[in-house]
Structures are given as structure tokens and as C-alpha cells.
N, C-alpha and C. Protein backbone atom coordinates (compact mmCIF):
# COMPACT_ATOMS: atom_id res chain seq x y z
N UNK A 1 -6.55 -1.93 -16.91
CA UNK A 1 -5.48 -2.47 -16.08
C UNK A 1 -5.42 -1.67 -14.78
N UNK A 2 -5.45 -2.37 -13.66
CA UNK A 2 -5.40 -1.71 -12.37
C UNK A 2 -4.01 -1.15 -12.07
N UNK A 3 -3.99 0.03 -11.45
CA UNK A 3 -2.73 0.67 -11.06
C UNK A 3 -2.49 0.43 -9.58
N UNK A 4 -1.29 -0.05 -9.28
CA UNK A 4 -0.92 -0.31 -7.89
C UNK A 4 0.32 0.51 -7.55
N UNK A 5 0.24 1.19 -6.43
CA UNK A 5 1.37 1.96 -5.92
C UNK A 5 1.97 1.20 -4.75
N UNK A 6 3.26 0.88 -4.87
CA UNK A 6 4.00 0.23 -3.78
C UNK A 6 4.75 1.33 -3.04
N UNK A 7 4.51 1.42 -1.73
CA UNK A 7 5.16 2.44 -0.92
C UNK A 7 5.96 1.74 0.17
N UNK A 8 7.28 1.69 -0.02
CA UNK A 8 8.15 1.01 0.95
C UNK A 8 9.57 1.52 0.75
N UNK A 9 10.33 1.60 1.82
CA UNK A 9 11.71 2.08 1.73
C UNK A 9 12.72 0.93 1.72
N UNK A 10 12.23 -0.31 1.64
CA UNK A 10 13.13 -1.47 1.58
C UNK A 10 13.22 -1.96 0.13
N UNK A 11 14.37 -1.75 -0.53
CA UNK A 11 14.52 -2.09 -1.96
C UNK A 11 14.17 -3.54 -2.31
N UNK A 12 14.53 -4.50 -1.45
CA UNK A 12 14.25 -5.91 -1.77
C UNK A 12 12.76 -6.19 -1.83
N UNK A 13 12.01 -5.59 -0.92
CA UNK A 13 10.56 -5.78 -0.92
C UNK A 13 9.95 -5.13 -2.16
N UNK A 14 10.39 -3.92 -2.47
CA UNK A 14 9.88 -3.21 -3.64
C UNK A 14 10.13 -4.02 -4.91
N UNK A 15 11.36 -4.51 -5.08
CA UNK A 15 11.70 -5.27 -6.30
C UNK A 15 10.87 -6.56 -6.40
N UNK A 16 10.73 -7.25 -5.30
CA UNK A 16 9.97 -8.51 -5.29
C UNK A 16 8.51 -8.26 -5.65
N UNK A 17 7.91 -7.27 -5.00
CA UNK A 17 6.50 -6.97 -5.27
C UNK A 17 6.29 -6.45 -6.68
N UNK A 18 7.18 -5.57 -7.13
CA UNK A 18 7.06 -5.02 -8.48
C UNK A 18 7.07 -6.15 -9.51
N UNK A 19 8.01 -7.08 -9.38
CA UNK A 19 8.11 -8.20 -10.30
C UNK A 19 6.83 -9.04 -10.28
N UNK A 20 6.38 -9.42 -9.08
CA UNK A 20 5.21 -10.30 -8.94
C UNK A 20 3.95 -9.64 -9.49
N UNK A 21 3.79 -8.35 -9.23
CA UNK A 21 2.56 -7.66 -9.66
C UNK A 21 2.56 -7.38 -11.16
N UNK A 22 3.71 -7.04 -11.72
CA UNK A 22 3.78 -6.83 -13.17
C UNK A 22 3.49 -8.15 -13.90
N UNK A 23 3.99 -9.24 -13.34
CA UNK A 23 3.75 -10.57 -13.91
C UNK A 23 2.25 -10.89 -13.94
N UNK A 24 1.51 -10.37 -12.95
CA UNK A 24 0.05 -10.58 -12.87
C UNK A 24 -0.71 -9.59 -13.76
N UNK A 25 0.01 -8.67 -14.41
CA UNK A 25 -0.64 -7.76 -15.34
C UNK A 25 -1.03 -6.40 -14.77
N UNK A 26 -0.56 -6.09 -13.57
CA UNK A 26 -0.86 -4.78 -12.98
C UNK A 26 0.14 -3.73 -13.46
N UNK A 27 -0.32 -2.49 -13.51
CA UNK A 27 0.57 -1.36 -13.78
C UNK A 27 1.11 -0.94 -12.42
N UNK A 28 2.44 -0.92 -12.26
CA UNK A 28 3.05 -0.74 -10.95
C UNK A 28 3.84 0.57 -10.88
N UNK A 29 3.64 1.30 -9.77
CA UNK A 29 4.37 2.53 -9.48
C UNK A 29 5.02 2.37 -8.12
N UNK A 30 6.11 3.12 -7.89
CA UNK A 30 6.87 2.96 -6.65
C UNK A 30 7.14 4.31 -5.99
N UNK A 31 6.94 4.34 -4.67
CA UNK A 31 7.32 5.49 -3.86
C UNK A 31 8.16 4.95 -2.70
N UNK A 32 9.21 5.70 -2.33
CA UNK A 32 10.11 5.22 -1.28
C UNK A 32 9.90 5.92 0.06
N UNK A 33 8.98 6.88 0.10
CA UNK A 33 8.62 7.51 1.38
C UNK A 33 7.20 8.08 1.26
N UNK A 34 6.68 8.54 2.39
CA UNK A 34 5.30 9.02 2.42
C UNK A 34 5.05 10.25 1.58
N UNK A 35 6.00 11.18 1.55
CA UNK A 35 5.84 12.39 0.73
C UNK A 35 5.70 12.02 -0.74
N UNK A 36 6.59 11.17 -1.20
CA UNK A 36 6.57 10.73 -2.60
C UNK A 36 5.26 9.99 -2.89
N UNK A 37 4.79 9.20 -1.93
CA UNK A 37 3.53 8.46 -2.10
C UNK A 37 2.36 9.41 -2.32
N UNK A 38 2.26 10.45 -1.50
CA UNK A 38 1.16 11.41 -1.62
C UNK A 38 1.19 12.10 -2.99
N UNK A 39 2.38 12.49 -3.42
CA UNK A 39 2.50 13.15 -4.74
C UNK A 39 2.07 12.20 -5.86
N UNK A 40 2.50 10.93 -5.79
CA UNK A 40 2.12 9.96 -6.81
C UNK A 40 0.63 9.66 -6.78
N UNK A 41 0.05 9.56 -5.60
CA UNK A 41 -1.40 9.31 -5.50
C UNK A 41 -2.15 10.42 -6.21
N UNK A 42 -1.71 11.66 -6.04
CA UNK A 42 -2.37 12.80 -6.68
C UNK A 42 -2.28 12.72 -8.20
N UNK A 43 -1.16 12.22 -8.72
CA UNK A 43 -0.96 12.24 -10.18
C UNK A 43 -1.44 10.97 -10.88
N UNK A 44 -1.25 9.79 -10.28
CA UNK A 44 -1.61 8.55 -10.99
C UNK A 44 -2.97 7.99 -10.57
N UNK A 45 -3.49 8.43 -9.42
CA UNK A 45 -4.76 7.92 -8.89
C UNK A 45 -4.82 6.39 -8.94
N UNK A 46 -4.01 5.74 -8.12
CA UNK A 46 -3.96 4.27 -8.14
C UNK A 46 -5.26 3.64 -7.66
N UNK A 47 -5.50 2.40 -8.10
CA UNK A 47 -6.65 1.64 -7.61
C UNK A 47 -6.37 1.07 -6.22
N UNK A 48 -5.07 0.79 -5.98
CA UNK A 48 -4.70 0.19 -4.71
C UNK A 48 -3.30 0.64 -4.31
N UNK A 49 -3.10 0.84 -3.01
CA UNK A 49 -1.79 1.22 -2.48
C UNK A 49 -1.33 0.15 -1.50
N UNK A 50 -0.13 -0.38 -1.72
CA UNK A 50 0.52 -1.27 -0.76
C UNK A 50 1.42 -0.38 0.07
N UNK A 51 1.15 -0.31 1.35
CA UNK A 51 1.72 0.76 2.16
C UNK A 51 2.45 0.25 3.40
N UNK A 52 3.74 0.59 3.48
CA UNK A 52 4.51 0.32 4.69
C UNK A 52 4.15 1.41 5.71
N UNK A 53 4.39 1.17 6.96
CA UNK A 53 4.09 2.19 7.98
C UNK A 53 5.34 2.98 8.35
N UNK A 54 6.41 2.28 8.67
CA UNK A 54 7.62 2.97 9.13
C UNK A 54 8.47 3.39 7.95
N UNK A 55 8.37 4.68 7.61
CA UNK A 55 9.12 5.24 6.48
C UNK A 55 9.62 6.63 6.83
N UNK A 56 10.62 7.10 6.07
CA UNK A 56 11.10 8.46 6.29
C UNK A 56 10.02 9.50 5.96
N UNK A 57 10.17 10.68 6.54
CA UNK A 57 9.32 11.85 6.29
C UNK A 57 7.89 11.67 6.79
N UNK A 58 7.04 11.04 6.00
CA UNK A 58 5.64 10.85 6.37
C UNK A 58 5.38 9.35 6.52
N UNK A 59 4.79 8.92 7.65
CA UNK A 59 4.59 7.48 7.83
C UNK A 59 3.32 6.99 7.12
N UNK A 60 3.16 5.69 7.09
CA UNK A 60 2.04 5.08 6.38
C UNK A 60 0.67 5.48 6.92
N UNK A 61 0.56 5.62 8.25
CA UNK A 61 -0.72 6.04 8.82
C UNK A 61 -1.12 7.41 8.28
N UNK A 62 -0.15 8.33 8.18
CA UNK A 62 -0.45 9.67 7.67
C UNK A 62 -0.84 9.63 6.19
N UNK A 63 -0.19 8.76 5.42
CA UNK A 63 -0.55 8.62 4.00
C UNK A 63 -2.00 8.12 3.89
N UNK A 64 -2.36 7.13 4.70
CA UNK A 64 -3.73 6.60 4.66
C UNK A 64 -4.73 7.68 5.07
N UNK A 65 -4.39 8.47 6.07
CA UNK A 65 -5.28 9.56 6.49
C UNK A 65 -5.49 10.56 5.34
N UNK A 66 -4.42 10.86 4.58
CA UNK A 66 -4.56 11.73 3.41
C UNK A 66 -5.52 11.12 2.40
N UNK A 67 -5.32 9.84 2.08
CA UNK A 67 -6.15 9.16 1.08
C UNK A 67 -7.62 9.20 1.49
N UNK A 68 -7.90 8.86 2.72
CA UNK A 68 -9.29 8.75 3.17
C UNK A 68 -9.96 10.10 3.39
N UNK A 69 -9.16 11.15 3.57
CA UNK A 69 -9.75 12.48 3.83
C UNK A 69 -10.03 13.26 2.55
N UNK A 70 -9.56 12.77 1.40
CA UNK A 70 -9.74 13.48 0.14
C UNK A 70 -10.80 12.77 -0.70
N UNK A 71 -11.87 13.51 -1.05
CA UNK A 71 -12.97 12.89 -1.82
C UNK A 71 -12.50 12.23 -3.11
N UNK A 72 -11.48 12.81 -3.73
CA UNK A 72 -10.98 12.28 -5.00
C UNK A 72 -10.35 10.90 -4.85
N UNK A 73 -9.79 10.61 -3.69
CA UNK A 73 -9.04 9.36 -3.51
C UNK A 73 -9.64 8.41 -2.48
N UNK A 74 -10.72 8.81 -1.79
CA UNK A 74 -11.16 8.02 -0.64
C UNK A 74 -11.72 6.64 -1.01
N UNK A 75 -11.89 6.35 -2.31
CA UNK A 75 -12.29 5.00 -2.72
C UNK A 75 -11.08 4.11 -3.03
N UNK A 76 -9.89 4.71 -2.99
CA UNK A 76 -8.65 3.96 -3.24
C UNK A 76 -8.47 2.92 -2.14
N UNK A 77 -8.20 1.69 -2.52
CA UNK A 77 -7.97 0.62 -1.55
C UNK A 77 -6.53 0.69 -1.05
N UNK A 78 -6.36 0.38 0.24
CA UNK A 78 -5.03 0.41 0.85
C UNK A 78 -4.82 -0.89 1.63
N UNK A 79 -3.69 -1.52 1.39
CA UNK A 79 -3.28 -2.68 2.19
C UNK A 79 -1.97 -2.31 2.87
N UNK A 80 -1.95 -2.39 4.20
CA UNK A 80 -0.70 -2.18 4.92
C UNK A 80 0.14 -3.44 4.82
N UNK A 81 1.43 -3.26 4.57
CA UNK A 81 2.41 -4.35 4.58
C UNK A 81 3.52 -3.83 5.48
N UNK A 82 3.53 -4.29 6.74
CA UNK A 82 4.40 -3.66 7.73
C UNK A 82 5.01 -4.67 8.69
N UNK A 83 6.16 -4.30 9.23
CA UNK A 83 6.79 -5.10 10.29
C UNK A 83 6.12 -4.84 11.64
N UNK A 84 5.33 -3.77 11.72
CA UNK A 84 4.61 -3.48 12.97
C UNK A 84 3.50 -4.50 13.13
N UNK A 85 3.68 -5.41 14.10
CA UNK A 85 2.75 -6.53 14.19
C UNK A 85 1.94 -6.56 15.49
N UNK A 86 1.98 -5.47 16.25
CA UNK A 86 1.18 -5.43 17.47
C UNK A 86 -0.30 -5.29 17.10
N UNK A 87 -1.15 -5.90 17.90
CA UNK A 87 -2.60 -5.83 17.63
C UNK A 87 -3.07 -4.38 17.54
N UNK A 88 -2.47 -3.50 18.35
CA UNK A 88 -2.89 -2.09 18.34
C UNK A 88 -2.55 -1.41 17.00
N UNK A 89 -1.44 -1.80 16.37
CA UNK A 89 -1.07 -1.25 15.06
C UNK A 89 -2.05 -1.73 13.98
N UNK A 90 -2.34 -3.03 14.01
CA UNK A 90 -3.27 -3.60 13.04
C UNK A 90 -4.64 -2.93 13.20
N UNK A 91 -5.09 -2.82 14.43
CA UNK A 91 -6.38 -2.20 14.72
C UNK A 91 -6.42 -0.74 14.24
N UNK A 92 -5.36 0.00 14.49
CA UNK A 92 -5.30 1.39 14.05
C UNK A 92 -5.39 1.48 12.52
N UNK A 93 -4.66 0.61 11.83
CA UNK A 93 -4.68 0.60 10.36
C UNK A 93 -6.07 0.35 9.81
N UNK A 94 -6.76 -0.62 10.39
CA UNK A 94 -8.11 -0.96 9.92
C UNK A 94 -9.09 0.17 10.27
N UNK A 95 -8.95 0.72 11.47
CA UNK A 95 -9.83 1.83 11.88
C UNK A 95 -9.66 3.06 10.98
N UNK A 96 -8.43 3.29 10.50
CA UNK A 96 -8.18 4.44 9.62
C UNK A 96 -8.71 4.21 8.21
N UNK A 97 -9.08 2.94 7.91
CA UNK A 97 -9.69 2.67 6.61
C UNK A 97 -8.94 1.73 5.69
N UNK A 98 -7.90 1.06 6.19
CA UNK A 98 -7.19 0.10 5.34
C UNK A 98 -8.09 -1.09 5.02
N UNK A 99 -7.96 -1.63 3.81
CA UNK A 99 -8.74 -2.80 3.41
C UNK A 99 -8.20 -4.07 4.05
N UNK A 100 -6.89 -4.08 4.33
CA UNK A 100 -6.27 -5.26 4.92
C UNK A 100 -4.94 -4.85 5.54
N UNK A 101 -4.34 -5.76 6.31
CA UNK A 101 -3.08 -5.48 7.01
C UNK A 101 -2.30 -6.78 7.05
N UNK A 102 -1.15 -6.81 6.39
CA UNK A 102 -0.27 -7.98 6.40
C UNK A 102 1.01 -7.62 7.13
N UNK A 103 1.50 -8.55 7.94
CA UNK A 103 2.75 -8.29 8.63
C UNK A 103 3.91 -8.95 7.88
N UNK A 104 5.07 -8.28 7.94
CA UNK A 104 6.30 -8.81 7.33
C UNK A 104 6.91 -9.80 8.31
N UNK A 105 7.51 -10.87 7.84
CA UNK A 105 7.56 -11.32 6.44
C UNK A 105 6.19 -11.84 6.02
N UNK A 106 5.92 -11.79 4.72
CA UNK A 106 4.62 -12.20 4.21
C UNK A 106 4.81 -13.05 2.95
N UNK A 107 3.76 -13.75 2.58
CA UNK A 107 3.76 -14.57 1.37
C UNK A 107 3.32 -13.69 0.20
N UNK A 108 4.16 -13.60 -0.82
CA UNK A 108 3.82 -12.81 -2.01
C UNK A 108 2.58 -13.40 -2.68
N UNK A 109 2.48 -14.72 -2.68
CA UNK A 109 1.31 -15.39 -3.27
C UNK A 109 0.04 -14.97 -2.53
N UNK A 110 0.09 -15.01 -1.20
CA UNK A 110 -1.08 -14.63 -0.40
C UNK A 110 -1.44 -13.16 -0.65
N UNK A 111 -0.43 -12.31 -0.73
CA UNK A 111 -0.67 -10.89 -0.97
C UNK A 111 -1.31 -10.66 -2.34
N UNK A 112 -0.80 -11.32 -3.37
CA UNK A 112 -1.39 -11.12 -4.71
C UNK A 112 -2.83 -11.64 -4.74
N UNK A 113 -3.10 -12.72 -4.02
CA UNK A 113 -4.49 -13.21 -3.94
C UNK A 113 -5.39 -12.18 -3.27
N UNK A 114 -4.91 -11.57 -2.19
CA UNK A 114 -5.69 -10.54 -1.50
C UNK A 114 -5.94 -9.34 -2.43
N UNK A 115 -4.91 -8.94 -3.16
CA UNK A 115 -5.03 -7.81 -4.08
C UNK A 115 -6.10 -8.09 -5.14
N UNK A 116 -6.02 -9.28 -5.75
CA UNK A 116 -6.99 -9.65 -6.78
C UNK A 116 -8.41 -9.67 -6.22
N UNK A 117 -8.56 -10.16 -5.01
CA UNK A 117 -9.89 -10.22 -4.36
C UNK A 117 -10.42 -8.81 -4.09
N UNK A 118 -9.57 -7.93 -3.56
CA UNK A 118 -9.99 -6.58 -3.21
C UNK A 118 -10.34 -5.76 -4.46
N UNK A 119 -9.63 -6.00 -5.55
CA UNK A 119 -9.86 -5.21 -6.76
C UNK A 119 -10.99 -5.75 -7.65
N UNK A 120 -11.60 -6.85 -7.26
CA UNK A 120 -12.71 -7.40 -8.06
C UNK A 120 -13.90 -6.48 -8.07
């Protein structure tokens, strides 16, 4: 069973994604800021991280940089799910190593399809 870490500080998004992903059979973990995300990545070693960018303490770009700079985690897939929708933000996310970038609001169905495709 694939492990997915949801990293977002918006409770409604977290609850919606957690429900949809558990229904699809994924093991789901939640972090509400970047610091918590890094600690969870170290302990659970998720297969995929759904990552918001604008969060307290450590932002999503910094979390992705941590993931990609550590040999133990650099194969972990990351999808940004963010309200930052400027082309420069999307480009930065992909350049840092994200597998995909979805802007909020997004379709949960489309996101779960992307997750299933990336984890194949």
C-alpha cells in the first residue's frame, strides 16, 4: 500500500483529500506545516507528498528541496497543490523536482488520477 503525505494548512483541503485517498486504498498521513512535513518524511518515508507552498514555518519549496537533496528520499514523488498559479511558481516547482503542479481550486478526481499514474 502506497503511503501519501498531505502537507497543507487548510483543514477543509486536508479532510477532503484524506477521505478521497483513503477510499482509494492509500495509507494517508498529514502535516500542517513544513517543519512537521520534514519530520514525517524522515519517519514514514512516503511514496508521494502532496505539498502546498504557502505554509507556516517552512514553505513547500523548502520541503521539496529537502526531499530532493537527501539520497534517502530523493526518489519520493512530490505534487504541488497550491493557490500560487503564476507561471514562474509552476516553473520553479517543476525545476526543483516536483512530478506535477496543480493549482487550487482543483478536481479531486483529476488529482487522484494523477497520483495513481505517478505511483505506477
